[in-house]
């Protein structure tokens, strides 16, 4: 399958949130196969590996933000994490995630808006494949930091083109300079192998 298929183009070029959600809703049942089997999508596995390095407690409270169909949640469960919740804006994707039975709760929410989650509610937050064109804005990172407790970690990816387009490094620098986070990792990793794209994989500790 050509990784730049029609549905992939629709995801990357959607101009409204409604259009993006419609696309994901129609893609939900085929999503896992396309990404993991046809295109090669190692980002979830790489992110979970990093999370396990920094958060060894299997009982840690974790939010998988932008969980999609639950690829990251499934890997977290395989690594022994038992207290994982998921959040996504696509009802179709959440339906697929629910079938995996790896999340305690699933919340439908727009990450470009303030989240109805208390400060410091989680010991770790993952966000993989969400900071990319037409998806979640860089400002959403501040919300992920807010809902992570002091001493907790935010592990996330940013697609290479989106990193450049949005000057995402400035957002990281601002959080560091305000003493809200400490940057532990900023690695360049493969993103979608069939298209040759890369991403930044970052680990932030909340201060």
Protein backbone atom coordinates (compact mmCIF):
# COMPACT_ATOMS: atom_id res chain seq x y z
CA UNK A 1 0.00 0.00 0.00
CA UNK A 2 1.26 3.46 -0.85
CA UNK A 3 1.74 5.32 2.43
CA UNK A 4 0.56 8.50 0.77
CA UNK A 5 -2.84 6.95 0.10
CA UNK A 6 -5.98 9.03 -0.11
CA UNK A 7 -6.86 8.57 3.54
CA UNK A 8 -3.35 9.47 4.65
CA UNK A 9 -3.48 12.65 2.58
CA UNK A 10 -6.85 13.50 4.11
CA UNK A 11 -5.41 13.14 7.61
CA UNK A 12 -2.40 15.32 6.87
CA UNK A 13 -4.30 18.04 5.03
CA UNK A 14 -7.58 18.30 6.95
CA UNK A 15 -8.46 21.95 7.46
CA UNK A 16 -11.03 21.55 10.23
CA UNK A 17 -11.34 19.37 13.29
CA UNK A 18 -14.67 18.01 12.04
CA UNK A 19 -13.07 16.93 8.75
CA UNK A 20 -10.23 15.25 10.63
CA UNK A 21 -12.62 13.39 12.94
CA UNK A 22 -14.69 12.23 9.97
CA UNK A 23 -11.55 10.85 8.34
CA UNK A 24 -10.41 9.06 11.48
CA UNK A 25 -13.89 7.66 12.02
CA UNK A 26 -13.85 6.08 8.59
CA UNK A 27 -10.29 4.83 9.01
CA UNK A 28 -10.61 3.42 12.52
CA UNK A 29 -11.17 -0.26 11.64
CA UNK A 30 -8.25 -0.34 9.18
CA UNK A 31 -5.94 1.98 11.13
CA UNK A 32 -3.89 -0.60 13.03
CA UNK A 33 -3.26 -2.71 9.95
CA UNK A 34 -2.25 0.23 7.79
CA UNK A 35 0.16 1.76 10.27
CA UNK A 36 1.79 -1.29 11.80
CA UNK A 37 1.63 -3.87 9.01
CA UNK A 38 1.66 -1.89 5.76
CA UNK A 39 3.57 1.29 6.52
CA UNK A 40 5.80 0.54 9.51
CA UNK A 41 5.11 2.72 12.57
CA UNK A 42 7.69 2.16 15.32
CA UNK A 43 6.92 5.34 17.30
CA UNK A 44 4.55 3.72 19.84
CA UNK A 45 7.08 1.04 20.75
CA UNK A 46 9.93 3.56 21.03
CA UNK A 47 7.85 5.83 23.26
CA UNK A 48 6.83 3.00 25.58
CA UNK A 49 10.47 1.91 25.88
CA UNK A 50 11.42 5.41 27.04
CA UNK A 51 8.49 5.61 29.45
CA UNK A 52 9.52 2.35 31.09
CA UNK A 53 13.03 3.73 31.59
CA UNK A 54 11.76 6.73 33.51
CA UNK A 55 8.63 5.27 35.11
CA UNK A 56 9.44 1.76 36.38
CA UNK A 57 6.41 1.55 38.71
CA UNK A 58 3.87 -0.78 37.07
CA UNK A 59 1.10 0.82 39.17
CA UNK A 60 1.83 4.38 38.01
CA UNK A 61 -1.20 6.33 36.83
CA UNK A 62 -0.75 6.95 33.08
CA UNK A 63 -2.81 8.89 30.54
CA UNK A 64 -2.44 7.95 26.88
CA UNK A 65 -3.40 11.29 25.31
CA UNK A 66 -4.48 11.02 21.70
CA UNK A 67 -4.74 7.29 22.23
CA UNK A 68 -6.38 6.55 18.86
CA UNK A 69 -7.12 2.84 18.54
CA UNK A 70 -5.01 1.99 21.58
CA UNK A 71 -1.66 0.98 20.07
CA UNK A 72 0.29 2.64 22.88
CA UNK A 73 -2.09 1.39 25.56
CA UNK A 74 -1.69 -2.14 24.30
CA UNK A 75 2.11 -1.86 24.51
CA UNK A 76 1.91 -0.34 27.99
CA UNK A 77 -0.19 -3.27 29.16
CA UNK A 78 2.31 -5.70 27.62
CA UNK A 79 5.04 -3.96 29.63
CA UNK A 80 3.08 -4.57 32.84
CA UNK A 81 1.47 -1.17 33.41
CA UNK A 82 -1.93 -1.70 34.98
CA UNK A 83 -3.36 1.78 35.54
CA UNK A 84 -3.71 3.37 32.10
CA UNK A 85 -6.49 5.66 30.85
CA UNK A 86 -7.01 6.87 27.29
CA UNK A 87 -8.17 10.12 25.74
CA UNK A 88 -9.03 10.92 22.12
CA UNK A 89 -11.41 13.16 20.18
CA UNK A 90 -12.48 10.55 17.63
CA UNK A 91 -15.42 8.40 18.70
CA UNK A 92 -14.52 5.84 16.03
CA UNK A 93 -10.98 5.50 17.30
CA UNK A 94 -12.16 5.25 20.91
CA UNK A 95 -14.50 2.41 19.93
CA UNK A 96 -11.52 0.47 18.58
CA UNK A 97 -9.49 1.28 21.70
CA UNK A 98 -12.29 0.02 23.94
CA UNK A 99 -12.21 -3.36 22.21
CA UNK A 100 -8.56 -3.83 23.21
CA UNK A 101 -9.58 -3.74 26.91
CA UNK A 102 -6.31 -2.15 28.02
CA UNK A 103 -7.66 1.13 29.45
CA UNK A 104 -9.33 1.74 32.79
CA UNK A 105 -11.35 4.63 31.38
CA UNK A 106 -11.66 6.29 27.98
CA UNK A 107 -12.45 9.99 27.65
CA UNK A 108 -13.53 11.80 24.49
CA UNK A 109 -11.97 15.26 24.50
CA UNK A 110 -10.41 17.85 22.21
CA UNK A 111 -6.77 18.31 23.17
CA UNK A 112 -6.78 21.80 21.65
CA UNK A 113 -9.11 22.84 24.48
CA UNK A 114 -8.55 22.83 28.25
CA UNK A 115 -8.92 19.30 29.58
CA UNK A 116 -11.43 18.48 32.30
CA UNK A 117 -8.70 16.73 34.30
CA UNK A 118 -7.33 17.98 37.65
CA UNK A 119 -3.81 19.33 38.03
CA UNK A 120 -1.26 16.61 38.71
CA UNK A 121 -3.73 13.78 38.15
CA UNK A 122 -1.22 11.48 36.44
CA UNK A 123 2.28 10.24 37.13
CA UNK A 124 2.96 9.96 33.41
CA UNK A 125 1.40 11.04 30.12
CA UNK A 126 2.11 9.61 26.68
CA UNK A 127 1.18 11.40 23.47
CA UNK A 128 2.27 9.56 20.31
CA UNK A 129 1.35 10.50 16.74
CA UNK A 130 -0.74 13.48 17.81
CA UNK A 131 1.55 16.47 17.35
CA UNK A 132 1.43 16.51 13.57
CA UNK A 133 -0.13 18.52 10.74
CA UNK A 134 -3.84 19.37 11.19
CA UNK A 135 -3.94 17.68 14.58
CA UNK A 136 -3.04 19.04 18.02
CA UNK A 137 -1.42 22.45 18.41
CA UNK A 138 1.89 22.82 20.31
CA UNK A 139 0.14 24.80 23.07
CA UNK A 140 -1.57 21.55 24.11
CA UNK A 141 1.72 20.42 25.60
CA UNK A 142 1.18 22.85 28.48
CA UNK A 143 -2.04 21.03 29.37
CA UNK A 144 -0.23 17.68 29.36
CA UNK A 145 2.34 19.14 31.73
CA UNK A 146 -0.40 20.58 33.95
CA UNK A 147 -2.13 17.25 34.46
CA UNK A 148 1.16 15.49 35.28
CA UNK A 149 2.27 15.50 38.91
CA UNK A 150 5.57 16.91 40.13
CA UNK A 151 8.26 14.36 39.42
CA UNK A 152 6.14 12.76 36.71
CA UNK A 153 7.01 12.44 33.03
CA UNK A 154 5.51 13.41 29.69
CA UNK A 155 6.68 11.21 26.81
CA UNK A 156 5.62 12.34 23.35
CA UNK A 157 6.44 12.49 19.66
CA UNK A 158 6.40 15.39 17.20
CA UNK A 159 6.43 14.69 13.46
CA UNK A 160 9.57 16.14 11.82
CA UNK A 161 7.78 18.51 9.45
CA UNK A 162 5.49 19.75 12.23
CA UNK A 163 8.49 20.32 14.50
CA UNK A 164 9.97 22.66 11.88
CA UNK A 165 6.72 24.33 10.80
CA UNK A 166 5.66 25.29 14.32
CA UNK A 167 9.08 26.01 15.88
CA UNK A 168 8.13 23.38 18.42
CA UNK A 169 11.53 23.67 20.07
CA UNK A 170 10.55 27.17 21.23
CA UNK A 171 7.62 25.73 23.15
CA UNK A 172 9.93 23.25 24.85
CA UNK A 173 12.41 26.01 25.67
CA UNK A 174 9.67 28.18 27.16
CA UNK A 175 8.52 25.39 29.47
CA UNK A 176 12.10 24.72 30.55
CA UNK A 177 12.92 28.39 31.15
CA UNK A 178 9.81 28.80 33.28
CA UNK A 179 11.03 25.88 35.42
CA UNK A 180 7.91 23.84 34.69
CA UNK A 181 9.82 20.95 33.15
CA UNK A 182 13.27 19.46 32.71
CA UNK A 183 14.16 18.02 29.30
CA UNK A 184 15.65 14.53 29.61
CA UNK A 185 15.46 13.24 26.04
CA UNK A 186 15.09 14.73 22.57
CA UNK A 187 15.81 11.96 20.09
CA UNK A 188 15.29 11.70 16.35
CA UNK A 189 13.47 8.46 15.56
CA UNK A 190 11.81 6.83 12.54
CA UNK A 191 8.16 7.82 12.24
CA UNK A 192 6.46 6.17 9.26
CA UNK A 193 9.09 4.00 7.66
CA UNK A 194 7.51 3.59 4.23
CA UNK A 195 7.51 7.34 3.64
CA UNK A 196 10.91 7.90 5.23
CA UNK A 197 9.58 10.40 7.76
CA UNK A 198 11.07 10.99 11.19
CA UNK A 199 9.91 12.40 14.49
CA UNK A 200 11.30 13.86 17.63
CA UNK A 201 10.78 11.68 20.69
CA UNK A 202 10.91 13.72 23.87
CA UNK A 203 10.85 13.02 27.60
CA UNK A 204 10.00 15.85 29.97
CA UNK A 205 10.07 15.68 33.75
CA UNK A 206 7.52 17.92 35.45
CA UNK A 207 9.01 20.15 38.17
